[in-house]
Protein backbone atom coordinates (compact mmCIF):
# COMPACT_ATOMS: atom_id res chain seq x y z
CA MET A 1 -0.12 -0.13 0.20
CA PRO A 2 0.90 3.51 -0.95
CA LEU A 3 2.12 5.57 1.79
CA PHE A 4 0.61 8.01 0.08
CA ALA A 5 -1.61 8.35 -3.49
CA THR A 6 -3.55 11.38 -5.27
CA SER A 7 -4.99 12.52 -8.36
CA LEU A 8 -5.54 15.76 -9.61
CA SER A 9 -6.89 17.89 -12.69
CA LEU A 10 -3.58 19.52 -14.70
CA SER A 11 -2.33 22.85 -16.37
CA ALA A 12 -0.68 22.13 -19.75
CA ARG A 13 -1.00 23.65 -22.71
CA PRO A 14 1.09 22.83 -26.36
CA ASN A 15 4.32 23.98 -26.40
CA VAL A 16 5.08 24.58 -30.27
CA GLU A 17 8.71 24.30 -29.65
CA GLY A 18 7.90 20.28 -28.08
CA ALA A 19 6.42 19.98 -30.93
CA LEU A 20 8.63 20.85 -33.93
CA GLY A 21 11.39 18.35 -31.94
CA TYR A 22 9.03 15.63 -32.51
CA LEU A 23 8.39 16.11 -35.89
CA GLY A 24 12.39 16.21 -36.54
CA TYR A 25 12.90 20.46 -37.13
CA ALA A 26 15.86 21.58 -36.17
CA GLY A 27 16.01 25.71 -36.53
CA GLN A 28 14.51 25.71 -39.84
CA ASP A 29 12.58 28.94 -40.86
CA LEU A 30 9.24 28.51 -40.98
CA HIS A 31 7.00 29.90 -43.53
CA ALA A 32 3.69 31.29 -43.22
CA GLU A 33 1.37 28.56 -43.93
CA MET A 34 3.39 26.42 -41.82
CA VAL A 35 3.00 29.04 -38.56
CA ALA A 36 -0.77 28.91 -39.58
CA ARG A 37 -1.57 25.17 -39.30
CA LEU A 38 1.17 25.02 -35.36
CA GLU A 39 -1.47 27.80 -34.57
CA LYS A 40 -4.92 25.42 -35.53
CA ALA A 41 -3.02 22.70 -34.23
CA VAL A 42 -2.72 24.20 -30.77
CA ALA A 43 -5.89 24.78 -31.13
CA LYS A 44 -7.66 21.40 -32.00
CA CYS A 45 -5.41 20.48 -28.26
CA ALA A 46 -7.66 22.45 -26.38
CA SER A 47 -10.83 20.21 -25.34
CA PHE A 48 -7.85 17.79 -24.26
CA ALA A 49 -7.95 17.69 -20.24
CA PRO A 50 -5.09 16.56 -18.73
CA LYS A 51 -4.78 14.16 -15.33
CA GLY A 52 -2.56 12.68 -13.56
CA THR A 53 -1.71 10.95 -10.26
CA PHE A 54 0.66 9.56 -8.14
CA ALA A 55 1.71 7.27 -5.32
CA VAL A 56 4.31 7.51 -3.04
CA PHE A 57 5.69 4.08 -1.24
CA GLU A 58 8.46 3.34 1.46
CA ASP A 59 12.07 2.51 -0.15
CA GLY A 60 10.12 0.99 -3.49
CA ARG A 61 8.88 -1.38 -0.85
CA GLY A 62 6.56 -3.57 -2.75
CA LEU A 63 7.13 -2.37 -6.28
CA GLU A 64 9.08 -5.63 -7.01
CA ARG A 65 7.54 -5.79 -10.54
CA VAL A 66 7.91 -2.47 -11.57
CA LEU A 67 11.66 -1.57 -10.35
CA VAL A 68 13.10 -4.46 -13.07
CA GLY A 69 16.64 -3.63 -14.60
CA GLU A 70 19.76 -2.15 -13.24
CA ASP A 71 19.35 1.50 -14.66
CA VAL A 72 16.23 2.45 -12.86
CA ALA A 73 17.91 0.76 -9.79
CA ARG A 74 21.04 3.05 -9.94
CA HIS A 75 18.26 5.97 -10.31
CA VAL A 76 16.57 5.46 -7.02
CA GLU A 77 19.03 4.26 -5.15
CA GLY A 78 19.78 5.68 -1.79
CA ALA A 79 16.06 6.80 -2.12
CA LYS A 80 13.92 7.35 1.08
CA ALA A 81 10.91 6.73 -0.90
CA VAL A 82 10.05 6.34 -4.04
CA ALA A 83 6.39 8.20 -6.04
CA LEU A 84 5.25 6.34 -9.31
CA LEU A 85 3.53 8.65 -11.67
CA ALA A 86 1.10 8.82 -14.53
CA VAL A 87 -0.73 11.67 -16.41
CA THR A 88 -3.21 11.44 -19.81
CA LEU A 89 -5.34 13.60 -22.12
CA GLY A 90 -7.98 11.64 -21.98
CA HIS A 91 -9.74 9.80 -24.41
CA GLU A 92 -10.84 13.16 -25.76
CA SER A 93 -7.10 13.48 -27.58
CA GLU A 94 -7.59 9.90 -29.62
CA ARG A 95 -10.55 10.79 -31.05
CA VAL A 96 -9.92 14.23 -32.72
CA ILE A 97 -6.14 13.09 -33.25
CA ARG A 98 -8.59 9.95 -35.50
CA ARG A 99 -10.53 13.38 -36.75
CA GLU A 100 -7.76 15.30 -37.86
CA THR A 101 -5.74 12.25 -39.15
CA ALA A 102 -8.69 11.39 -40.82
CA LEU A 103 -9.17 15.02 -42.79
CA SER A 104 -5.46 15.25 -43.51
CA ALA A 105 -2.92 12.86 -42.83
CA ALA A 106 -0.23 16.19 -42.96
CA ASP A 107 -2.77 18.10 -39.64
CA GLY A 108 -3.02 14.98 -37.91
CA MET A 109 0.59 14.29 -37.71
CA LEU A 110 0.19 18.33 -36.51
CA VAL A 111 -1.82 17.44 -33.92
CA ASP A 112 -0.19 14.66 -32.76
CA ALA A 113 2.97 16.32 -31.93
CA MET A 114 1.25 19.31 -30.07
CA ALA A 115 -0.77 16.31 -28.33
CA SER A 116 2.92 14.75 -26.69
CA SER A 117 4.42 17.68 -26.49
CA MET A 118 0.95 18.69 -24.11
CA ALA A 119 1.42 15.64 -22.54
CA GLU A 120 5.04 16.09 -21.35
CA ALA A 121 4.35 19.39 -20.19
CA ALA A 122 1.28 17.43 -17.89
CA VAL A 123 4.50 14.80 -16.56
CA GLU A 124 6.62 17.80 -16.02
CA ALA A 125 3.09 19.81 -13.58
CA LEU A 126 2.84 16.63 -11.92
CA HIS A 127 6.40 16.52 -11.39
CA ALA A 128 6.42 19.84 -10.39
CA GLU A 129 3.56 18.75 -7.62
CA VAL A 130 5.42 15.57 -6.29
CA ALA A 131 8.28 17.77 -5.80
CA ALA A 132 6.85 19.75 -3.86
CA TRP A 133 5.07 16.77 -1.90
CA ALA A 134 8.51 15.42 -0.81
CA ARG A 135 10.08 19.28 -0.12
CA GLY A 136 6.85 19.23 2.27
CA ARG A 137 8.37 16.03 4.09
CA GLY A 138 11.89 17.02 4.15
CA LEU A 139 12.73 15.44 1.33
CA ARG A 140 13.83 16.03 -2.45
CA ALA A 141 12.81 14.55 -5.55
CA GLY A 142 14.96 13.13 -8.52
CA GLY A 143 14.09 12.84 -12.05
CA ARG A 144 11.97 10.99 -13.84
CA PHE A 145 12.72 7.43 -15.01
CA SER A 146 10.04 5.65 -17.45
CA PRO A 147 9.55 1.67 -18.47
CA GLY A 148 11.35 1.56 -21.98
CA TYR A 149 14.63 3.70 -20.56
CA GLY A 150 17.89 2.03 -20.21
CA ASP A 151 17.24 -2.04 -19.95
CA MET A 152 13.68 -1.15 -17.79
CA PRO A 153 11.80 -3.31 -19.38
CA LEU A 154 7.93 -1.37 -20.82
CA SER A 155 6.27 -5.20 -19.93
CA VAL A 156 6.21 -3.41 -16.10
CA GLN A 157 3.57 -1.45 -17.32
CA PRO A 158 0.75 -3.01 -15.89
CA ALA A 159 2.28 -3.62 -12.90
CA LEU A 160 2.63 0.05 -12.42
CA LEU A 161 -0.39 1.12 -13.48
CA ASP A 162 -1.80 -1.83 -11.08
CA ALA A 163 -0.04 -0.12 -8.39
CA LEU A 164 -1.14 3.09 -9.04
CA ASP A 165 -4.80 2.08 -9.60
CA ALA A 166 -4.84 4.34 -13.14
CA ALA A 167 -7.88 2.84 -14.54
CA ARG A 168 -9.98 3.44 -12.07
CA ARG A 169 -7.95 7.51 -11.07
CA LEU A 170 -6.97 8.20 -14.64
CA GLY A 171 -8.74 5.64 -17.19
CA VAL A 172 -5.02 4.68 -18.46
CA SER A 173 -4.73 0.98 -19.49
CA VAL A 174 -2.12 -0.86 -21.39
CA THR A 175 -2.50 -3.26 -23.90
CA ASP A 176 -0.68 -6.52 -24.93
CA ALA A 177 2.24 -5.29 -26.49
CA PHE A 178 2.59 -2.99 -23.30
CA MET A 179 1.11 0.44 -24.93
CA LEU A 180 -0.36 2.66 -23.02
CA THR A 181 -4.43 3.45 -23.77
CA PRO A 182 -5.47 6.73 -24.14
CA ALA A 183 -1.40 6.58 -26.33
CA LYS A 184 -1.24 10.43 -25.07
CA SER A 185 -0.44 8.80 -21.39
CA VAL A 186 3.13 9.05 -19.27
CA THR A 187 4.18 7.12 -16.45
CA ALA A 188 7.26 7.35 -15.45
CA VAL A 189 9.49 7.07 -11.31
CA VAL A 190 11.00 9.27 -9.13
CA GLY A 191 13.38 8.76 -6.15
CA LEU A 192 12.67 11.15 -2.96
CA PHE A 193 16.17 11.67 -1.39
CA ASP A 194 17.41 13.04 1.75
CA PRO A 195 18.42 16.15 0.78
CA GLU A 196 22.47 16.29 1.35
CA TYR A 197 21.61 12.94 -0.21
CA ALA A 198 24.77 12.66 -3.36
CA PRO A 199 23.96 9.90 -5.56
CA GLN A 200 27.10 8.40 -6.26
CA THR A 201 26.21 6.82 -9.94
CA GLN A 202 23.78 8.94 -12.45
CA LEU A 203 22.52 7.77 -15.86
CA SER A 204 25.01 9.31 -17.97
CA ALA A 205 25.04 9.83 -22.11
CA GLN A 206 26.71 6.91 -22.52
CA ASP A 207 23.60 4.78 -21.02
CA CYS A 208 21.76 6.59 -24.34
CA GLU A 209 23.90 4.31 -26.60
CA THR A 210 23.33 1.07 -25.14
CA CYS A 211 19.35 2.30 -24.35
CA THR A 212 16.77 -0.32 -25.78
CA MET A 213 14.43 3.24 -26.35
CA ALA A 214 17.89 5.21 -28.84
CA GLY A 215 16.68 4.63 -32.59
CA VAL A 216 12.83 6.31 -31.68
CA CYS A 217 13.33 8.39 -28.00
CA LEU A 218 11.74 10.92 -28.88
CA LEU A 219 13.66 13.26 -25.91
CA LYS A 220 16.54 12.74 -27.84
CA GLN A 221 14.85 14.21 -30.89
CA GLN A 222 14.53 17.25 -28.93
CA GLY A 223 18.45 16.82 -27.40
CA ARG A 224 16.94 16.34 -24.21
CA THR A 225 17.83 12.56 -21.81
CA CYS A 226 15.49 11.23 -19.48
CA HIS A 227 18.54 11.54 -16.97
CA GLY A 228 18.40 15.80 -17.23
CA SER A 229 20.97 16.13 -19.06
CA ARG A 230 20.94 17.45 -22.36
CA SER A 231 22.42 14.87 -25.21
CA GLU A 232 25.12 15.55 -28.01
């Protein structure tokens, strides 16, 4: 059982720069038509209602089926507690993306990218809530680590969602291929540490080279990593 669990609505908006990163743009000039289409894509996301939930567990106890792999073990090494979190843009995001893709493959792709950037903003907002909860108890929240990164397999998703009661709290489930539904959903693990604790081992750029997500990592496309540093 968790020490604490809560669900909340999240304030998050699409991020055009982030969406362009998902689309593979790298600082190119945008012509007026593309700017207009991007603005329309942002407007299409207005009906999405980001929600999140997080739960805190003492020392990661009871999370053996979630904290699988050496990389996530290093990520939470020395933690006083471990927080699991999940966010979703809800089933409305699925409906809108399907509709826009049916009308125009290009515009559907833009809305999909905007939704991805909005989901990232939502998980950052929830991470901030976790950090605030931790500060109130004299702890410091570490970075996020998600299934599929490093050697943490996607197959932990069902156990992670179960630990969060995410089906009931958020309406988030997982397919037989361990993909989240709705697709614009994110799960993650966060270690909560004593403020003075300095981890002896950190994930680094070398870990990105061997990560199972290396070929499709959206964070890498934006020049970021799941361990908080900039990628090369």
